[in-house]
PDB file of N, CA and C in Angstrom:
ATOM      1  N   UNK A   1     -17.047  -2.213   7.009  1.00  0.00           N
ATOM      2  CA  UNK A   1     -16.198  -1.030   6.844  1.00  0.00           C
ATOM      3  C   UNK A   1     -14.913  -1.460   6.122  1.00  0.00           C
ATOM      4  N   UNK A   2     -14.514  -0.757   5.076  1.00  0.00           N
ATOM      5  CA  UNK A   2     -13.327  -1.148   4.304  1.00  0.00           C
ATOM      6  C   UNK A   2     -12.031  -0.795   5.028  1.00  0.00           C
ATOM      7  N   UNK A   3     -10.962  -1.494   4.646  1.00  0.00           N
ATOM      8  CA  UNK A   3      -9.624  -1.148   5.111  1.00  0.00           C
ATOM      9  C   UNK A   3      -9.204   0.150   4.432  1.00  0.00           C
ATOM     10  N   UNK A   4      -8.427   0.962   5.135  1.00  0.00           N
ATOM     11  CA  UNK A   4      -7.913   2.214   4.581  1.00  0.00           C
ATOM     12  C   UNK A   4      -6.386   2.169   4.676  1.00  0.00           C
ATOM     13  N   UNK A   5      -5.705   2.327   3.536  1.00  0.00           N
ATOM     14  CA  UNK A   5      -4.241   2.360   3.525  1.00  0.00           C
ATOM     15  C   UNK A   5      -3.808   3.768   3.896  1.00  0.00           C
ATOM     16  N   UNK A   6      -3.043   3.860   4.966  1.00  0.00           N
ATOM     17  CA  UNK A   6      -2.588   5.156   5.476  1.00  0.00           C
ATOM     18  C   UNK A   6      -1.190   5.510   5.008  1.00  0.00           C
ATOM     19  N   UNK A   7      -0.315   4.483   4.887  1.00  0.00           N
ATOM     20  CA  UNK A   7       1.078   4.713   4.490  1.00  0.00           C
ATOM     21  C   UNK A   7       1.565   3.572   3.609  1.00  0.00           C
ATOM     22  N   UNK A   8       2.452   3.926   2.689  1.00  0.00           N
ATOM     23  CA  UNK A   8       3.158   2.948   1.862  1.00  0.00           C
ATOM     24  C   UNK A   8       4.640   3.137   2.143  1.00  0.00           C
ATOM     25  N   UNK A   9       5.267   2.131   2.724  1.00  0.00           N
ATOM     26  CA  UNK A   9       6.700   2.191   3.073  1.00  0.00           C
ATOM     27  C   UNK A   9       7.016   3.446   3.890  1.00  0.00           C
ATOM     28  N   UNK A  10       6.128   3.776   4.828  1.00  0.00           N
ATOM     29  CA  UNK A  10       6.355   4.909   5.717  1.00  0.00           C
ATOM     30  C   UNK A  10       5.951   6.259   5.169  1.00  0.00           C
ATOM     31  N   UNK A  11       5.488   6.319   3.915  1.00  0.00           N
ATOM     32  CA  UNK A  11       5.086   7.589   3.301  1.00  0.00           C
ATOM     33  C   UNK A  11       3.560   7.702   3.379  1.00  0.00           C
ATOM     34  N   UNK A  12       3.039   8.753   4.030  1.00  0.00           N
ATOM     35  CA  UNK A  12       1.588   8.906   4.133  1.00  0.00           C
ATOM     36  C   UNK A  12       0.931   9.045   2.758  1.00  0.00           C
ATOM     37  N   UNK A  13      -0.233   8.411   2.602  1.00  0.00           N
ATOM     38  CA  UNK A  13      -1.016   8.552   1.373  1.00  0.00           C
ATOM     39  C   UNK A  13      -2.408   9.027   1.754  1.00  0.00           C
ATOM     40  N   UNK A  14      -2.893  10.028   1.027  1.00  0.00           N
ATOM     41  CA  UNK A  14      -4.187  10.632   1.323  1.00  0.00           C
ATOM     42  C   UNK A  14      -5.183  10.485   0.178  1.00  0.00           C
ATOM     43  N   UNK A  15      -4.737   9.884  -0.921  1.00  0.00           N
ATOM     44  CA  UNK A  15      -5.624   9.723  -2.073  1.00  0.00           C
ATOM     45  C   UNK A  15      -5.168   8.499  -2.867  1.00  0.00           C
ATOM     46  N   UNK A  16      -6.017   8.069  -3.787  1.00  0.00           N
ATOM     47  CA  UNK A  16      -5.653   6.960  -4.660  1.00  0.00           C
ATOM     48  C   UNK A  16      -4.437   7.315  -5.504  1.00  0.00           C
ATOM     49  N   UNK A  17      -4.338   8.561  -5.923  1.00  0.00           N
ATOM     50  CA  UNK A  17      -3.187   9.005  -6.719  1.00  0.00           C
ATOM     51  C   UNK A  17      -1.901   8.903  -5.898  1.00  0.00           C
ATOM     52  N   UNK A  18      -1.954   9.285  -4.619  1.00  0.00           N
ATOM     53  CA  UNK A  18      -0.787   9.137  -3.728  1.00  0.00           C
ATOM     54  C   UNK A  18      -0.384   7.668  -3.631  1.00  0.00           C
ATOM     55  N   UNK A  19      -1.378   6.801  -3.463  1.00  0.00           N
ATOM     56  CA  UNK A  19      -1.109   5.361  -3.355  1.00  0.00           C
ATOM     57  C   UNK A  19      -0.413   4.841  -4.605  1.00  0.00           C
ATOM     58  N   UNK A  20      -0.944   5.175  -5.778  1.00  0.00           N
ATOM     59  CA  UNK A  20      -0.331   4.734  -7.029  1.00  0.00           C
ATOM     60  C   UNK A  20       1.091   5.246  -7.178  1.00  0.00           C
ATOM     61  N   UNK A  21       1.314   6.518  -6.859  1.00  0.00           N
ATOM     62  CA  UNK A  21       2.644   7.114  -6.980  1.00  0.00           C
ATOM     63  C   UNK A  21       3.647   6.366  -6.114  1.00  0.00           C
ATOM     64  N   UNK A  22       3.287   6.068  -4.885  1.00  0.00           N
ATOM     65  CA  UNK A  22       4.217   5.398  -3.977  1.00  0.00           C
ATOM     66  C   UNK A  22       4.452   3.949  -4.381  1.00  0.00           C
ATOM     67  N   UNK A  23       3.425   3.249  -4.813  1.00  0.00           N
ATOM     68  CA  UNK A  23       3.598   1.860  -5.240  1.00  0.00           C
ATOM     69  C   UNK A  23       4.474   1.801  -6.482  1.00  0.00           C
ATOM     70  N   UNK A  24       4.303   2.751  -7.390  1.00  0.00           N
ATOM     71  CA  UNK A  24       5.084   2.767  -8.634  1.00  0.00           C
ATOM     72  C   UNK A  24       6.567   3.036  -8.407  1.00  0.00           C
ATOM     73  N   UNK A  25       6.942   3.476  -7.221  1.00  0.00           N
ATOM     74  CA  UNK A  25       8.363   3.691  -6.896  1.00  0.00           C
ATOM     75  C   UNK A  25       9.089   2.357  -6.671  1.00  0.00           C
ATOM     76  N   UNK A  26       8.337   1.272  -6.630  1.00  0.00           N
ATOM     77  CA  UNK A  26       8.884  -0.049  -6.331  1.00  0.00           C
ATOM     78  C   UNK A  26       8.750  -0.954  -7.543  1.00  0.00           C
ATOM     79  N   UNK A  27       9.430  -2.102  -7.479  1.00  0.00           N
ATOM     80  CA  UNK A  27       9.461  -3.058  -8.583  1.00  0.00           C
ATOM     81  C   UNK A  27       8.669  -4.312  -8.219  1.00  0.00           C
ATOM     82  N   UNK A  28       8.234  -5.037  -9.247  1.00  0.00           N
ATOM     83  CA  UNK A  28       7.596  -6.332  -9.038  1.00  0.00           C
ATOM     84  C   UNK A  28       8.552  -7.200  -8.217  1.00  0.00           C
ATOM     85  N   UNK A  29       8.016  -7.848  -7.200  1.00  0.00           N
ATOM     86  CA  UNK A  29       8.816  -8.684  -6.316  1.00  0.00           C
ATOM     87  C   UNK A  29       9.248  -7.989  -5.035  1.00  0.00           C
ATOM     88  N   UNK A  30       9.207  -6.656  -5.006  1.00  0.00           N
ATOM     89  CA  UNK A  30       9.563  -5.916  -3.787  1.00  0.00           C
ATOM     90  C   UNK A  30       8.549  -6.198  -2.683  1.00  0.00           C
ATOM     91  N   UNK A  31       9.047  -6.248  -1.461  1.00  0.00           N
ATOM     92  CA  UNK A  31       8.192  -6.357  -0.276  1.00  0.00           C
ATOM     93  C   UNK A  31       8.024  -4.959   0.293  1.00  0.00           C
ATOM     94  N   UNK A  32       6.777  -4.555   0.468  1.00  0.00           N
ATOM     95  CA  UNK A  32       6.490  -3.188   0.900  1.00  0.00           C
ATOM     96  C   UNK A  32       5.602  -3.222   2.141  1.00  0.00           C
ATOM     97  N   UNK A  33       5.980  -2.507   3.209  1.00  0.00           N
ATOM     98  CA  UNK A  33       5.087  -2.422   4.365  1.00  0.00           C
ATOM     99  C   UNK A  33       3.986  -1.388   4.110  1.00  0.00           C
ATOM    100  N   UNK A  34       2.771  -1.760   4.456  1.00  0.00           N
ATOM    101  CA  UNK A  34       1.628  -0.853   4.395  1.00  0.00           C
ATOM    102  C   UNK A  34       1.107  -0.649   5.808  1.00  0.00           C
ATOM    103  N   UNK A  35       0.767   0.577   6.129  1.00  0.00           N
ATOM    104  CA  UNK A  35       0.063   0.859   7.377  1.00  0.00           C
ATOM    105  C   UNK A  35      -1.407   0.981   7.015  1.00  0.00           C
ATOM    106  N   UNK A  36      -2.230   0.201   7.710  1.00  0.00           N
ATOM    107  CA  UNK A  36      -3.645   0.058   7.357  1.00  0.00           C
ATOM    108  C   UNK A  36      -4.512   0.344   8.578  1.00  0.00           C
ATOM    109  N   UNK A  37      -5.663   0.982   8.333  1.00  0.00           N
ATOM    110  CA  UNK A  37      -6.664   1.154   9.393  1.00  0.00           C
ATOM    111  C   UNK A  37      -7.860   0.277   9.052  1.00  0.00           C
ATOM    112  N   UNK A  38      -8.248  -0.545   9.992  1.00  0.00           N
ATOM    113  CA  UNK A  38      -9.440  -1.384   9.856  1.00  0.00           C
ATOM    114  C   UNK A  38     -10.280  -1.129  11.093  1.00  0.00           C
ATOM    115  N   UNK A  39     -11.409  -0.450  10.872  1.00  0.00           N
ATOM    116  CA  UNK A  39     -12.220  -0.066  12.028  1.00  0.00           C
ATOM    117  C   UNK A  39     -11.416   0.861  12.915  1.00  0.00           C
ATOM    118  N   UNK A  40     -11.279   0.505  14.192  1.00  0.00           N
ATOM    119  CA  UNK A  40     -10.509   1.322  15.125  1.00  0.00           C
ATOM    120  C   UNK A  40      -9.068   0.892  15.270  1.00  0.00           C
ATOM    121  N   UNK A  41      -8.652  -0.139  14.541  1.00  0.00           N
ATOM    122  CA  UNK A  41      -7.284  -0.653  14.652  1.00  0.00           C
ATOM    123  C   UNK A  41      -6.400  -0.119  13.546  1.00  0.00           C
ATOM    124  N   UNK A  42      -5.152   0.187  13.871  1.00  0.00           N
ATOM    125  CA  UNK A  42      -4.134   0.547  12.890  1.00  0.00           C
ATOM    126  C   UNK A  42      -3.020  -0.488  13.025  1.00  0.00           C
ATOM    127  N   UNK A  43      -2.607  -1.074  11.905  1.00  0.00           N
ATOM    128  CA  UNK A  43      -1.584  -2.106  11.936  1.00  0.00           C
ATOM    129  C   UNK A  43      -0.800  -2.097  10.633  1.00  0.00           C
ATOM    130  N   UNK A  44       0.315  -2.839  10.623  1.00  0.00           N
ATOM    131  CA  UNK A  44       1.137  -2.958   9.415  1.00  0.00           C
ATOM    132  C   UNK A  44       1.000  -4.343   8.821  1.00  0.00           C
ATOM    133  N   UNK A  45       0.982  -4.370   7.501  1.00  0.00           N
ATOM    134  CA  UNK A  45       1.045  -5.617   6.751  1.00  0.00           C
ATOM    135  C   UNK A  45       2.147  -5.457   5.717  1.00  0.00           C
ATOM    136  N   UNK A  46       2.731  -6.570   5.316  1.00  0.00           N
ATOM    137  CA  UNK A  46       3.740  -6.531   4.265  1.00  0.00           C
ATOM    138  C   UNK A  46       3.148  -7.171   3.018  1.00  0.00           C
ATOM    139  N   UNK A  47       3.280  -6.494   1.895  1.00  0.00           N
ATOM    140  CA  UNK A  47       2.787  -7.022   0.626  1.00  0.00           C
ATOM    141  C   UNK A  47       3.968  -7.234  -0.310  1.00  0.00           C
ATOM    142  N   UNK A  48       3.808  -8.179  -1.227  1.00  0.00           N
ATOM    143  CA  UNK A  48       4.797  -8.420  -2.271  1.00  0.00           C
ATOM    144  C   UNK A  48       4.163  -7.990  -3.582  1.00  0.00           C
ATOM    145  N   UNK A  49       4.817  -7.073  -4.291  1.00  0.00           N
ATOM    146  CA  UNK A  49       4.250  -6.582  -5.543  1.00  0.00           C
ATOM    147  C   UNK A  49       4.303  -7.663  -6.612  1.00  0.00           C
ATOM    148  N   UNK A  50       3.187  -7.828  -7.299  1.00  0.00           N
ATOM    149  CA  UNK A  50       3.064  -8.785  -8.393  1.00  0.00           C
ATOM    150  C   UNK A  50       2.738  -8.009  -9.664  1.00  0.00           C
ATOM    151  N   UNK A  51       2.986  -8.585 -10.832  1.00  0.00           N
ATOM    152  CA  UNK A  51       2.633  -7.887 -12.075  1.00  0.00           C
ATOM    153  C   UNK A  51       1.129  -7.710 -12.177  1.00  0.00           C
ATOM    154  N   UNK A  52       0.728  -6.621 -12.804  1.00  0.00           N
ATOM    155  CA  UNK A  52      -0.684  -6.356 -13.046  1.00  0.00           C
ATOM    156  C   UNK A  52      -1.220  -7.424 -13.989  1.00  0.00           C
ATOM    157  N   UNK A  53      -2.350  -8.046 -13.670  1.00  0.00           N
ATOM    158  CA  UNK A  53      -2.877  -9.092 -14.568  1.00  0.00           C
ATOM    159  C   UNK A  53      -3.055  -8.578 -15.987  1.00  0.00           C
ATOM    160  N   UNK A  54      -2.646  -9.389 -16.938  1.00  0.00           N
ATOM    161  CA  UNK A  54      -2.805  -9.014 -18.346  1.00  0.00           C
ATOM    162  C   UNK A  54      -1.650  -8.208 -18.899  1.00  0.00           C
ATOM    163  N   UNK A  55      -0.629  -7.977 -18.089  1.00  0.00           N
ATOM    164  CA  UNK A  55       0.524  -7.201 -18.577  1.00  0.00           C
ATOM    165  C   UNK A  55       1.744  -8.054 -18.641  1.00  0.00           C
TER     166      UNK A  55
END
């Protein structure tokens, strides 16, 4: 079962477009908390934005 991203920096996301919009509000190098559901567990992870490969 895949992980499902529920929130980006506290903002709920319900689609891939929502996810992209919220991530694009941040800069490369920013640390962003994600709320993730894996199976029956919901937890937070922190990610550091990196440049898109090839850009």
